[in-house]
Amino acid sequence: MAAGEQQQEKGREGAYFAREWLESTTRVTVPWVVYEAPAMTTLSLLDGSTESWDLAGYFTGPKKNMFYAEIKAYASDNQGTKYREYLADCYSATARMLNDGPDRQYEFMWITWHPFLSSSWTQLCNANMIEEAAKGHPDKLDSHEYNPDIGQMVADRLWLIVLSSRQQELMMDREYLGHIRNYITKGV
């Protein structure tokens, strides 16, 4: 297997593992994986292009917001450039959604296996980082002016999660998870 194919397979495995981990929290449902349902994991950007995330789902609590997750099953911290582009995509998708209609309150997750940009870790989900990323990718904004209110909205809806394959040992068994989901559904 070539290096590119190995990385692609690792990405696929990472997406399915992240899906399983997210669902084991009982706080979300993740019915869509880009490999099976690319249309459901894709959003339109301001420039008219589209961007696909690895996973899409929704929260099961009272808010029921949709979320889109980008999975990076990396063993290195070489993620800064891709993360900044991801932030620009999140901003652009949110701005496009607001231009086209009501706020659907999309949330965005970056799920990685390795911390990155450690010297600025505490700022990775703030509005300043989003503004810097969006302005650093002007093509994603098309000819639209950056809006700090949308930047803050995106910051408030960002999730940054670090996973490890060892977390599988902490995940609830599917059998028990099924009982809990049944209990929640019936409202017993």
N, C-alpha and C. Protein backbone atom coordinates (compact mmCIF):
# COMPACT_ATOMS: atom_id res chain seq x y z
N MET A 1 0.85 -1.18 0.00
CA MET A 1 0.00 0.00 0.00
C MET A 1 0.90 1.24 0.00
N ALA A 2 0.62 2.20 -0.88
CA ALA A 2 1.40 3.42 -1.00
C ALA A 2 1.14 4.33 0.20
N ALA A 3 2.06 5.26 0.43
CA ALA A 3 1.96 6.17 1.58
C ALA A 3 0.64 6.95 1.57
N GLY A 4 0.24 7.46 0.39
CA GLY A 4 -1.01 8.21 0.29
C GLY A 4 -2.22 7.36 0.63
N GLU A 5 -2.20 6.12 0.18
CA GLU A 5 -3.30 5.20 0.47
C GLU A 5 -3.34 4.87 1.96
N GLN A 6 -2.16 4.72 2.57
CA GLN A 6 -2.10 4.44 4.00
C GLN A 6 -2.69 5.60 4.79
N GLN A 7 -2.34 6.83 4.40
CA GLN A 7 -2.87 8.01 5.09
C GLN A 7 -4.38 8.10 4.91
N GLN A 8 -4.86 7.80 3.71
CA GLN A 8 -6.29 7.83 3.46
C GLN A 8 -7.02 6.78 4.31
N GLU A 9 -6.45 5.59 4.40
CA GLU A 9 -7.05 4.54 5.21
C GLU A 9 -7.04 4.92 6.69
N LYS A 10 -5.95 5.54 7.14
CA LYS A 10 -5.87 5.99 8.53
C LYS A 10 -6.94 7.06 8.80
N GLY A 11 -7.16 7.93 7.82
CA GLY A 11 -8.20 8.95 7.95
C GLY A 11 -9.58 8.34 8.03
N ARG A 12 -9.83 7.34 7.20
CA ARG A 12 -11.12 6.64 7.22
C ARG A 12 -11.34 5.97 8.58
N GLU A 13 -10.33 5.26 9.06
CA GLU A 13 -10.43 4.60 10.36
C GLU A 13 -10.65 5.63 11.47
N GLY A 14 -9.96 6.76 11.38
CA GLY A 14 -10.12 7.83 12.37
C GLY A 14 -11.53 8.38 12.38
N ALA A 15 -12.11 8.56 11.20
CA ALA A 15 -13.48 9.09 11.13
C ALA A 15 -14.47 8.14 11.79
N TYR A 16 -14.34 6.86 11.51
CA TYR A 16 -15.27 5.89 12.11
C TYR A 16 -15.05 5.74 13.61
N PHE A 17 -13.79 5.82 14.05
CA PHE A 17 -13.51 5.77 15.48
C PHE A 17 -14.11 7.00 16.17
N ALA A 18 -13.90 8.18 15.59
CA ALA A 18 -14.45 9.42 16.18
C ALA A 18 -15.97 9.35 16.24
N ARG A 19 -16.58 8.80 15.21
CA ARG A 19 -18.04 8.64 15.20
C ARG A 19 -18.48 7.76 16.36
N GLU A 20 -17.81 6.64 16.53
CA GLU A 20 -18.16 5.71 17.61
C GLU A 20 -17.95 6.36 18.97
N TRP A 21 -16.83 7.08 19.12
CA TRP A 21 -16.55 7.76 20.39
C TRP A 21 -17.61 8.82 20.69
N LEU A 22 -17.92 9.65 19.69
CA LEU A 22 -18.92 10.70 19.89
C LEU A 22 -20.27 10.09 20.29
N GLU A 23 -20.68 9.05 19.61
CA GLU A 23 -21.97 8.44 19.94
C GLU A 23 -21.95 7.78 21.31
N SER A 24 -20.78 7.33 21.76
CA SER A 24 -20.71 6.70 23.08
C SER A 24 -20.95 7.70 24.21
N THR A 25 -20.87 8.99 23.91
CA THR A 25 -21.16 10.00 24.93
C THR A 25 -22.65 10.09 25.22
N THR A 26 -23.48 9.56 24.35
CA THR A 26 -24.95 9.63 24.37
C THR A 26 -25.46 11.06 24.20
N ARG A 27 -24.60 12.00 23.87
CA ARG A 27 -24.98 13.41 23.70
C ARG A 27 -25.18 13.80 22.24
N VAL A 28 -24.76 12.92 21.33
CA VAL A 28 -24.89 13.22 19.90
C VAL A 28 -25.27 11.97 19.12
N THR A 29 -25.81 12.20 17.96
CA THR A 29 -26.04 11.14 16.98
C THR A 29 -25.27 11.54 15.74
N VAL A 30 -24.54 10.59 15.17
CA VAL A 30 -23.69 10.87 14.01
C VAL A 30 -24.10 9.93 12.86
N PRO A 31 -25.16 10.28 12.15
CA PRO A 31 -25.61 9.39 11.07
C PRO A 31 -24.84 9.52 9.77
N TRP A 32 -24.03 10.58 9.61
CA TRP A 32 -23.41 10.82 8.32
C TRP A 32 -21.89 10.86 8.39
N VAL A 33 -21.28 10.04 7.57
CA VAL A 33 -19.83 9.99 7.40
C VAL A 33 -19.57 10.32 5.93
N VAL A 34 -18.59 11.14 5.66
CA VAL A 34 -18.34 11.61 4.30
C VAL A 34 -18.17 10.46 3.31
N TYR A 35 -17.64 9.33 3.75
CA TYR A 35 -17.41 8.19 2.85
C TYR A 35 -18.70 7.53 2.41
N GLU A 36 -19.77 7.72 3.18
CA GLU A 36 -21.07 7.11 2.86
C GLU A 36 -22.09 8.12 2.35
N ALA A 37 -22.03 9.33 2.87
CA ALA A 37 -23.05 10.34 2.56
C ALA A 37 -22.41 11.72 2.37
N PRO A 38 -21.64 11.89 1.30
CA PRO A 38 -20.94 13.17 1.13
C PRO A 38 -21.87 14.38 1.05
N ALA A 39 -23.05 14.22 0.51
CA ALA A 39 -23.97 15.35 0.40
C ALA A 39 -24.40 15.85 1.78
N MET A 40 -24.46 14.97 2.76
CA MET A 40 -24.92 15.35 4.10
C MET A 40 -23.80 15.96 4.94
N THR A 41 -22.57 15.83 4.49
CA THR A 41 -21.44 16.38 5.25
C THR A 41 -20.85 17.61 4.56
N THR A 42 -21.57 18.14 3.60
CA THR A 42 -21.06 19.24 2.77
C THR A 42 -21.88 20.51 2.98
N LEU A 43 -21.16 21.64 3.10
CA LEU A 43 -21.80 22.94 3.23
C LEU A 43 -21.28 23.87 2.13
N SER A 44 -22.09 24.84 1.77
CA SER A 44 -21.69 25.85 0.78
C SER A 44 -20.93 26.97 1.46
N LEU A 45 -19.94 27.51 0.76
CA LEU A 45 -19.13 28.63 1.25
C LEU A 45 -19.53 29.92 0.53
N LEU A 46 -19.03 31.04 1.04
CA LEU A 46 -19.35 32.34 0.46
C LEU A 46 -18.96 32.47 -1.01
N ASP A 47 -17.89 31.80 -1.41
CA ASP A 47 -17.41 31.94 -2.78
C ASP A 47 -18.16 31.03 -3.76
N GLY A 48 -19.19 30.33 -3.28
CA GLY A 48 -19.96 29.45 -4.14
C GLY A 48 -19.44 28.02 -4.19
N SER A 49 -18.26 27.78 -3.63
CA SER A 49 -17.72 26.42 -3.59
C SER A 49 -18.36 25.68 -2.42
N THR A 50 -18.04 24.40 -2.30
CA THR A 50 -18.53 23.61 -1.18
C THR A 50 -17.34 23.00 -0.44
N GLU A 51 -17.57 22.67 0.79
CA GLU A 51 -16.56 22.02 1.62
C GLU A 51 -17.21 20.86 2.34
N SER A 52 -16.52 19.71 2.35
CA SER A 52 -17.03 18.53 3.05
C SER A 52 -16.27 18.34 4.35
N TRP A 53 -17.01 18.02 5.39
CA TRP A 53 -16.43 17.63 6.67
C TRP A 53 -16.47 16.11 6.74
N ASP A 54 -15.72 15.53 7.66
CA ASP A 54 -15.66 14.07 7.76
C ASP A 54 -16.93 13.47 8.35
N LEU A 55 -17.52 14.17 9.31
CA LEU A 55 -18.72 13.68 9.99
C LEU A 55 -19.75 14.80 10.07
N ALA A 56 -21.01 14.42 10.13
CA ALA A 56 -22.08 15.37 10.40
C ALA A 56 -23.10 14.67 11.27
N GLY A 57 -23.65 15.40 12.20
CA GLY A 57 -24.64 14.84 13.10
C GLY A 57 -25.36 15.93 13.85
N TYR A 58 -25.98 15.55 14.95
CA TYR A 58 -26.72 16.52 15.74
C TYR A 58 -26.67 16.14 17.21
N PHE A 59 -26.79 17.16 18.03
CA PHE A 59 -26.83 16.96 19.48
C PHE A 59 -28.20 16.42 19.86
N THR A 60 -28.24 15.56 20.85
CA THR A 60 -29.50 14.93 21.24
C THR A 60 -30.17 15.61 22.41
N GLY A 61 -29.51 16.59 23.01
CA GLY A 61 -30.10 17.32 24.13
C GLY A 61 -31.14 18.32 23.65
N PRO A 62 -31.48 19.26 24.49
CA PRO A 62 -32.53 20.22 24.15
C PRO A 62 -32.23 21.06 22.90
N LYS A 63 -30.97 21.39 22.65
CA LYS A 63 -30.70 22.30 21.53
C LYS A 63 -30.73 21.64 20.16
N LYS A 64 -30.43 20.39 20.04
CA LYS A 64 -30.51 19.62 18.79
C LYS A 64 -29.76 20.25 17.61
N ASN A 65 -28.74 21.06 17.87
CA ASN A 65 -27.96 21.68 16.79
C ASN A 65 -27.27 20.64 15.94
N MET A 66 -27.13 20.96 14.66
CA MET A 66 -26.31 20.15 13.75
C MET A 66 -24.85 20.48 14.05
N PHE A 67 -23.98 19.51 13.80
CA PHE A 67 -22.55 19.79 13.88
C PHE A 67 -21.84 19.11 12.72
N TYR A 68 -20.70 19.66 12.41
CA TYR A 68 -19.84 19.14 11.35
C TYR A 68 -18.46 18.97 11.97
N ALA A 69 -17.87 17.78 11.78
CA ALA A 69 -16.59 17.48 12.43
C ALA A 69 -15.53 17.13 11.40
N GLU A 70 -14.36 17.70 11.59
CA GLU A 70 -13.18 17.38 10.79
C GLU A 70 -12.29 16.51 11.66
N ILE A 71 -11.87 15.37 11.12
CA ILE A 71 -11.10 14.40 11.89
C ILE A 71 -9.67 14.37 11.37
N LYS A 72 -8.72 14.49 12.29
CA LYS A 72 -7.30 14.42 11.94
C LYS A 72 -6.64 13.36 12.81
N ALA A 73 -6.58 12.15 12.31
CA ALA A 73 -5.96 11.04 13.03
C ALA A 73 -4.45 11.08 12.80
N TYR A 74 -3.85 12.19 13.18
CA TYR A 74 -2.43 12.43 12.94
C TYR A 74 -1.60 12.03 14.14
N ALA A 75 -0.38 11.63 13.87
CA ALA A 75 0.56 11.31 14.94
C ALA A 75 1.58 12.43 15.09
N SER A 76 1.30 13.59 14.50
CA SER A 76 2.23 14.72 14.60
C SER A 76 1.45 16.01 14.82
N ASP A 77 2.20 17.04 15.17
CA ASP A 77 1.56 18.33 15.43
C ASP A 77 1.53 19.23 14.20
N ASN A 78 1.78 18.70 13.03
CA ASN A 78 1.82 19.46 11.79
C ASN A 78 0.40 19.69 11.27
N GLN A 79 -0.39 20.47 12.02
CA GLN A 79 -1.79 20.68 11.68
C GLN A 79 -2.17 22.15 11.58
N GLY A 80 -1.25 23.05 11.93
CA GLY A 80 -1.58 24.47 12.00
C GLY A 80 -2.15 25.05 10.72
N THR A 81 -1.54 24.75 9.59
CA THR A 81 -2.01 25.29 8.31
C THR A 81 -3.40 24.77 7.98
N LYS A 82 -3.60 23.49 8.16
CA LYS A 82 -4.92 22.90 7.87
C LYS A 82 -5.98 23.42 8.84
N TYR A 83 -5.60 23.63 10.11
CA TYR A 83 -6.56 24.13 11.08
C TYR A 83 -7.01 25.55 10.72
N ARG A 84 -6.06 26.38 10.32
CA ARG A 84 -6.43 27.75 9.93
C ARG A 84 -7.38 27.74 8.73
N GLU A 85 -7.13 26.87 7.76
CA GLU A 85 -8.03 26.78 6.62
C GLU A 85 -9.41 26.27 7.06
N TYR A 86 -9.42 25.32 8.00
CA TYR A 86 -10.66 24.80 8.56
C TYR A 86 -11.45 25.95 9.22
N LEU A 87 -10.78 26.79 9.99
CA LEU A 87 -11.46 27.92 10.62
C LEU A 87 -12.06 28.85 9.56
N ALA A 88 -11.30 29.10 8.50
CA ALA A 88 -11.81 29.94 7.41
C ALA A 88 -13.04 29.28 6.78
N ASP A 89 -13.02 27.97 6.61
CA ASP A 89 -14.17 27.24 6.08
C ASP A 89 -15.37 27.36 7.01
N CYS A 90 -15.15 27.21 8.31
CA CYS A 90 -16.25 27.32 9.29
C CYS A 90 -16.87 28.72 9.23
N TYR A 91 -16.01 29.73 9.19
CA TYR A 91 -16.51 31.10 9.09
C TYR A 91 -17.31 31.29 7.80
N SER A 92 -16.73 30.88 6.68
CA SER A 92 -17.36 31.08 5.38
C SER A 92 -18.69 30.33 5.29
N ALA A 93 -18.74 29.11 5.79
CA ALA A 93 -19.99 28.33 5.78
C ALA A 93 -21.06 28.99 6.64
N THR A 94 -20.65 29.51 7.79
CA THR A 94 -21.60 30.19 8.69
C THR A 94 -22.11 31.47 8.05
N ALA A 95 -21.21 32.25 7.47
CA ALA A 95 -21.61 33.49 6.81
C ALA A 95 -22.55 33.20 5.64
N ARG A 96 -22.26 32.17 4.88
CA ARG A 96 -23.12 31.79 3.75
C ARG A 96 -24.50 31.37 4.24
N MET A 97 -24.53 30.58 5.31
CA MET A 97 -25.81 30.14 5.89
C MET A 97 -26.64 31.37 6.29
N LEU A 98 -26.00 32.33 6.94
CA LEU A 98 -26.72 33.53 7.40
C LEU A 98 -27.17 34.39 6.22
N ASN A 99 -26.37 34.43 5.15
CA ASN A 99 -26.76 35.17 3.95
C ASN A 99 -27.97 34.54 3.27
N ASP A 100 -28.06 33.21 3.34
CA ASP A 100 -29.11 32.48 2.63
C ASP A 100 -30.41 32.35 3.41
N GLY A 101 -30.36 32.59 4.71
CA GLY A 101 -31.59 32.40 5.49
C GLY A 101 -31.34 32.47 6.97
N PRO A 102 -32.13 31.73 7.74
CA PRO A 102 -32.02 31.81 9.20
C PRO A 102 -30.76 31.13 9.73
N ASP A 103 -30.40 31.50 10.94
CA ASP A 103 -29.26 30.90 11.63
C ASP A 103 -29.65 29.49 12.07
N ARG A 104 -29.01 28.50 11.47
CA ARG A 104 -29.29 27.11 11.84
C ARG A 104 -28.41 26.65 12.99
N GLN A 105 -27.57 27.54 13.49
CA GLN A 105 -26.74 27.30 14.67
C GLN A 105 -25.83 26.09 14.51
N TYR A 106 -25.23 25.94 13.34
CA TYR A 106 -24.26 24.87 13.12
C TYR A 106 -23.10 25.00 14.09
N GLU A 107 -22.64 23.88 14.58
CA GLU A 107 -21.43 23.83 15.40
C GLU A 107 -20.37 23.05 14.64
N PHE A 108 -19.11 23.30 15.00
CA PHE A 108 -18.00 22.70 14.27
C PHE A 108 -17.00 22.08 15.25
N MET A 109 -16.53 20.88 14.91
CA MET A 109 -15.56 20.17 15.76
C MET A 109 -14.30 19.87 14.95
N TRP A 110 -13.18 20.06 15.60
CA TRP A 110 -11.88 19.62 15.07
C TRP A 110 -11.45 18.53 16.04
N ILE A 111 -11.39 17.29 15.57
CA ILE A 111 -11.03 16.17 16.42
C ILE A 111 -9.70 15.62 15.93
N THR A 112 -8.71 15.66 16.80
CA THR A 112 -7.36 15.27 16.43
C THR A 112 -6.81 14.26 17.42
N TRP A 113 -5.77 13.57 17.00
CA TRP A 113 -5.09 12.61 17.88
C TRP A 113 -3.82 13.22 18.45
N HIS A 114 -3.50 14.46 18.07
CA HIS A 114 -2.26 15.06 18.53
C HIS A 114 -2.45 16.56 18.70
N PRO A 115 -2.10 17.09 19.88
CA PRO A 115 -2.16 18.55 20.05
C PRO A 115 -1.24 19.24 19.04
N PHE A 116 -1.54 20.49 18.73
CA PHE A 116 -0.78 21.26 17.75
C PHE A 116 -0.84 22.72 18.15
N LEU A 117 0.03 23.52 17.56
CA LEU A 117 0.12 24.94 17.89
C LEU A 117 0.07 25.14 19.41
N SER A 118 0.86 24.36 20.13
CA SER A 118 0.78 24.33 21.59
C SER A 118 1.08 25.67 22.24
N SER A 119 1.87 26.51 21.61
CA SER A 119 2.16 27.82 22.22
C SER A 119 0.94 28.75 22.18
N SER A 120 -0.04 28.42 21.35
CA SER A 120 -1.25 29.24 21.28
C SER A 120 -2.52 28.40 21.49
N TRP A 121 -2.36 27.25 22.14
CA TRP A 121 -3.46 26.31 22.33
C TRP A 121 -4.71 26.96 22.91
N THR A 122 -4.55 27.82 23.90
CA THR A 122 -5.71 28.42 24.56
C THR A 122 -6.44 29.44 23.68
N GLN A 123 -5.84 29.84 22.58
CA GLN A 123 -6.47 30.80 21.68
C GLN A 123 -7.04 30.15 20.41
N LEU A 124 -6.92 28.84 20.26
CA LEU A 124 -7.29 28.19 19.00
C LEU A 124 -8.78 28.27 18.66
N CYS A 125 -9.61 28.56 19.64
CA CYS A 125 -11.05 28.65 19.38
C CYS A 125 -11.60 30.03 19.65
N ASN A 126 -10.75 31.06 19.63
CA ASN A 126 -11.28 32.39 19.91
C ASN A 126 -11.49 33.19 18.63
N ALA A 127 -12.24 34.27 18.74
CA ALA A 127 -12.62 35.07 17.59
C ALA A 127 -11.41 35.67 16.87
N ASN A 128 -10.36 36.02 17.61
CA ASN A 128 -9.16 36.58 16.96
C ASN A 128 -8.52 35.57 16.03
N MET A 129 -8.47 34.31 16.44
CA MET A 129 -7.90 33.26 15.60
C MET A 129 -8.76 33.05 14.35
N ILE A 130 -10.06 33.13 14.52
CA ILE A 130 -10.96 32.96 13.37
C ILE A 130 -10.79 34.12 12.40
N GLU A 131 -10.69 35.33 12.92
CA GLU A 131 -10.49 36.49 12.05
C GLU A 131 -9.18 36.38 11.28
N GLU A 132 -8.12 36.01 11.99
CA GLU A 132 -6.81 35.84 11.34
C GLU A 132 -6.89 34.77 10.24
N ALA A 133 -7.56 33.67 10.54
CA ALA A 133 -7.68 32.58 9.56
C ALA A 133 -8.50 33.00 8.36
N ALA A 134 -9.63 33.66 8.60
CA ALA A 134 -10.50 34.09 7.51
C ALA A 134 -9.80 35.10 6.62
N LYS A 135 -9.12 36.06 7.23
CA LYS A 135 -8.41 37.07 6.45
C LYS A 135 -7.19 36.48 5.75
N GLY A 136 -6.66 35.40 6.28
CA GLY A 136 -5.54 34.71 5.65
C GLY A 136 -5.96 33.85 4.47
N HIS A 137 -7.26 33.64 4.32
CA HIS A 137 -7.83 32.88 3.20
C HIS A 137 -8.92 33.72 2.54
N PRO A 138 -8.54 34.85 1.93
CA PRO A 138 -9.56 35.75 1.36
C PRO A 138 -10.42 35.10 0.28
N ASP A 139 -9.90 34.07 -0.37
CA ASP A 139 -10.70 33.35 -1.37
C ASP A 139 -11.95 32.74 -0.75
N LYS A 140 -11.86 32.34 0.51
CA LYS A 140 -13.01 31.73 1.19
C LYS A 140 -14.10 32.77 1.48
N LEU A 141 -13.70 34.06 1.54
CA LEU A 141 -14.66 35.13 1.81
C LEU A 141 -15.25 35.70 0.54
N ASP A 142 -14.67 35.32 -0.60
CA ASP A 142 -15.05 35.88 -1.88
C ASP A 142 -14.83 37.39 -1.77
N SER A 143 -15.80 38.20 -2.03
CA SER A 143 -15.61 39.65 -1.93
C SER A 143 -16.29 40.21 -0.68
N HIS A 144 -16.71 39.34 0.21
CA HIS A 144 -17.41 39.79 1.42
C HIS A 144 -16.42 40.31 2.46
N GLU A 145 -16.86 41.30 3.18
CA GLU A 145 -16.09 41.89 4.28
C GLU A 145 -16.17 40.94 5.48
N TYR A 146 -15.08 40.79 6.22
CA TYR A 146 -15.10 39.97 7.43
C TYR A 146 -16.03 40.63 8.45
N ASN A 147 -16.89 39.84 9.07
CA ASN A 147 -17.83 40.35 10.06
C ASN A 147 -17.45 39.78 11.43
N PRO A 148 -16.98 40.64 12.36
CA PRO A 148 -16.56 40.14 13.68
C PRO A 148 -17.68 39.48 14.48
N ASP A 149 -18.92 39.87 14.23
CA ASP A 149 -20.03 39.23 14.95
C ASP A 149 -20.16 37.76 14.52
N ILE A 150 -19.98 37.50 13.23
CA ILE A 150 -20.02 36.12 12.75
C ILE A 150 -18.81 35.36 13.26
N GLY A 151 -17.66 36.03 13.30
CA GLY A 151 -16.46 35.40 13.85
C GLY A 151 -16.67 34.97 15.30
N GLN A 152 -17.30 35.81 16.10
CA GLN A 152 -17.58 35.46 17.50
C GLN A 152 -18.59 34.32 17.58
N MET A 153 -19.57 34.34 16.68
CA MET A 153 -20.56 33.27 16.64
C MET A 153 -19.87 31.93 16.38
N VAL A 154 -18.96 31.91 15.41
CA VAL A 154 -18.23 30.68 15.10
C VAL A 154 -17.38 30.26 16.31
N ALA A 155 -16.71 31.22 16.94
CA ALA A 155 -15.88 30.90 18.11
C ALA A 155 -16.72 30.24 19.21
N ASP A 156 -17.93 30.74 19.40
CA ASP A 156 -18.81 30.19 20.44
C ASP A 156 -19.30 28.79 20.11
N ARG A 157 -19.19 28.38 18.84
CA ARG A 157 -19.71 27.09 18.39
C ARG A 157 -18.61 26.11 18.01
N LEU A 158 -17.37 26.44 18.35
CA LEU A 158 -16.24 25.57 18.01
C LEU A 158 -15.93 24.59 19.12
N TRP A 159 -15.55 23.40 18.72
CA TRP A 159 -15.10 22.36 19.64
C TRP A 159 -13.71 21.93 19.18
N LEU A 160 -12.81 21.77 20.11
CA LEU A 160 -11.47 21.25 19.83
C LEU A 160 -11.26 20.06 20.75
N ILE A 161 -11.15 18.87 20.16
CA ILE A 161 -11.13 17.62 20.93
C ILE A 161 -9.88 16.83 20.56
N VAL A 162 -9.18 16.33 21.58
CA VAL A 162 -8.03 15.47 21.35
C VAL A 162 -8.42 14.06 21.78
N LEU A 163 -8.36 13.14 20.83
CA LEU A 163 -8.68 11.73 21.09
C LEU A 163 -7.41 10.91 21.11
N SER A 164 -7.55 9.69 21.56
CA SER A 164 -6.48 8.71 21.55
C SER A 164 -7.12 7.35 21.32
N SER A 165 -6.44 6.51 20.61
CA SER A 165 -6.99 5.17 20.38
C SER A 165 -7.22 4.44 21.70
N ARG A 166 -6.49 4.82 22.73
CA ARG A 166 -6.69 4.19 24.06
C ARG A 166 -8.05 4.53 24.65
N GLN A 167 -8.66 5.59 24.17
CA GLN A 167 -9.98 5.95 24.71
C GLN A 167 -11.03 4.90 24.39
N GLN A 168 -10.72 4.03 23.46
CA GLN A 168 -11.65 2.94 23.16
C GLN A 168 -11.90 2.10 24.41
N GLU A 169 -10.88 2.00 25.26
CA GLU A 169 -11.01 1.23 26.50
C GLU A 169 -12.00 1.88 27.46
N LEU A 170 -12.26 3.17 27.29
CA LEU A 170 -13.17 3.89 28.18
C LEU A 170 -14.58 4.03 27.61
N MET A 171 -14.75 3.65 26.36
CA MET A 171 -16.05 3.81 25.72
C MET A 171 -17.03 2.75 26.22
N MET A 172 -18.27 3.16 26.29
CA MET A 172 -19.32 2.25 26.70
C MET A 172 -19.54 1.19 25.62
N ASP A 173 -19.77 -0.05 26.04
CA ASP A 173 -20.09 -1.11 25.10
C ASP A 173 -21.37 -0.76 24.35
N ARG A 174 -21.44 -1.16 23.10
CA ARG A 174 -22.62 -0.88 22.26
C ARG A 174 -23.90 -1.43 22.89
N GLU A 175 -23.80 -2.58 23.54
CA GLU A 175 -24.98 -3.17 24.18
C GLU A 175 -25.54 -2.23 25.25
N TYR A 176 -24.68 -1.72 26.12
CA TYR A 176 -25.12 -0.82 27.18
C TYR A 176 -25.58 0.51 26.60
N LEU A 177 -24.88 0.97 25.58
CA LEU A 177 -25.26 2.21 24.92
C LEU A 177 -26.68 2.08 24.35
N GLY A 178 -26.98 0.93 23.77
CA GLY A 178 -28.33 0.68 23.24
C GLY A 178 -29.39 0.77 24.33
N HIS A 179 -29.09 0.23 25.51
CA HIS A 179 -30.04 0.30 26.63
C HIS A 179 -30.28 1.76 27.03
N ILE A 180 -29.21 2.53 27.09
CA ILE A 180 -29.35 3.94 27.48
C ILE A 180 -30.14 4.70 26.44
N ARG A 181 -29.83 4.49 25.17
CA ARG A 181 -30.58 5.19 24.11
C ARG A 181 -32.06 4.79 24.16
N ASN A 182 -32.36 3.53 24.41
CA ASN A 182 -33.74 3.07 24.52
C ASN A 182 -34.42 3.76 25.70
N TYR A 183 -33.73 3.86 26.82
CA TYR A 183 -34.25 4.53 28.00
C TYR A 183 -34.54 6.00 27.72
N ILE A 184 -33.61 6.67 27.04
CA ILE A 184 -33.77 8.08 26.71
C ILE A 184 -34.95 8.27 25.77
N THR A 185 -35.05 7.42 24.77
CA THR A 185 -36.12 7.53 23.77
C THR A 185 -37.50 7.32 24.39
N LYS A 186 -37.59 6.34 25.27
CA LYS A 186 -38.89 6.06 25.91
C LYS A 186 -39.21 7.07 27.00
N GLY A 187 -38.18 7.78 27.52
CA GLY A 187 -38.42 8.75 28.57
C GLY A 187 -38.82 8.11 29.88
N VAL A 188 -38.37 6.90 30.10
CA VAL A 188 -38.72 6.15 31.31
C VAL A 188 -38.11 6.78 32.52
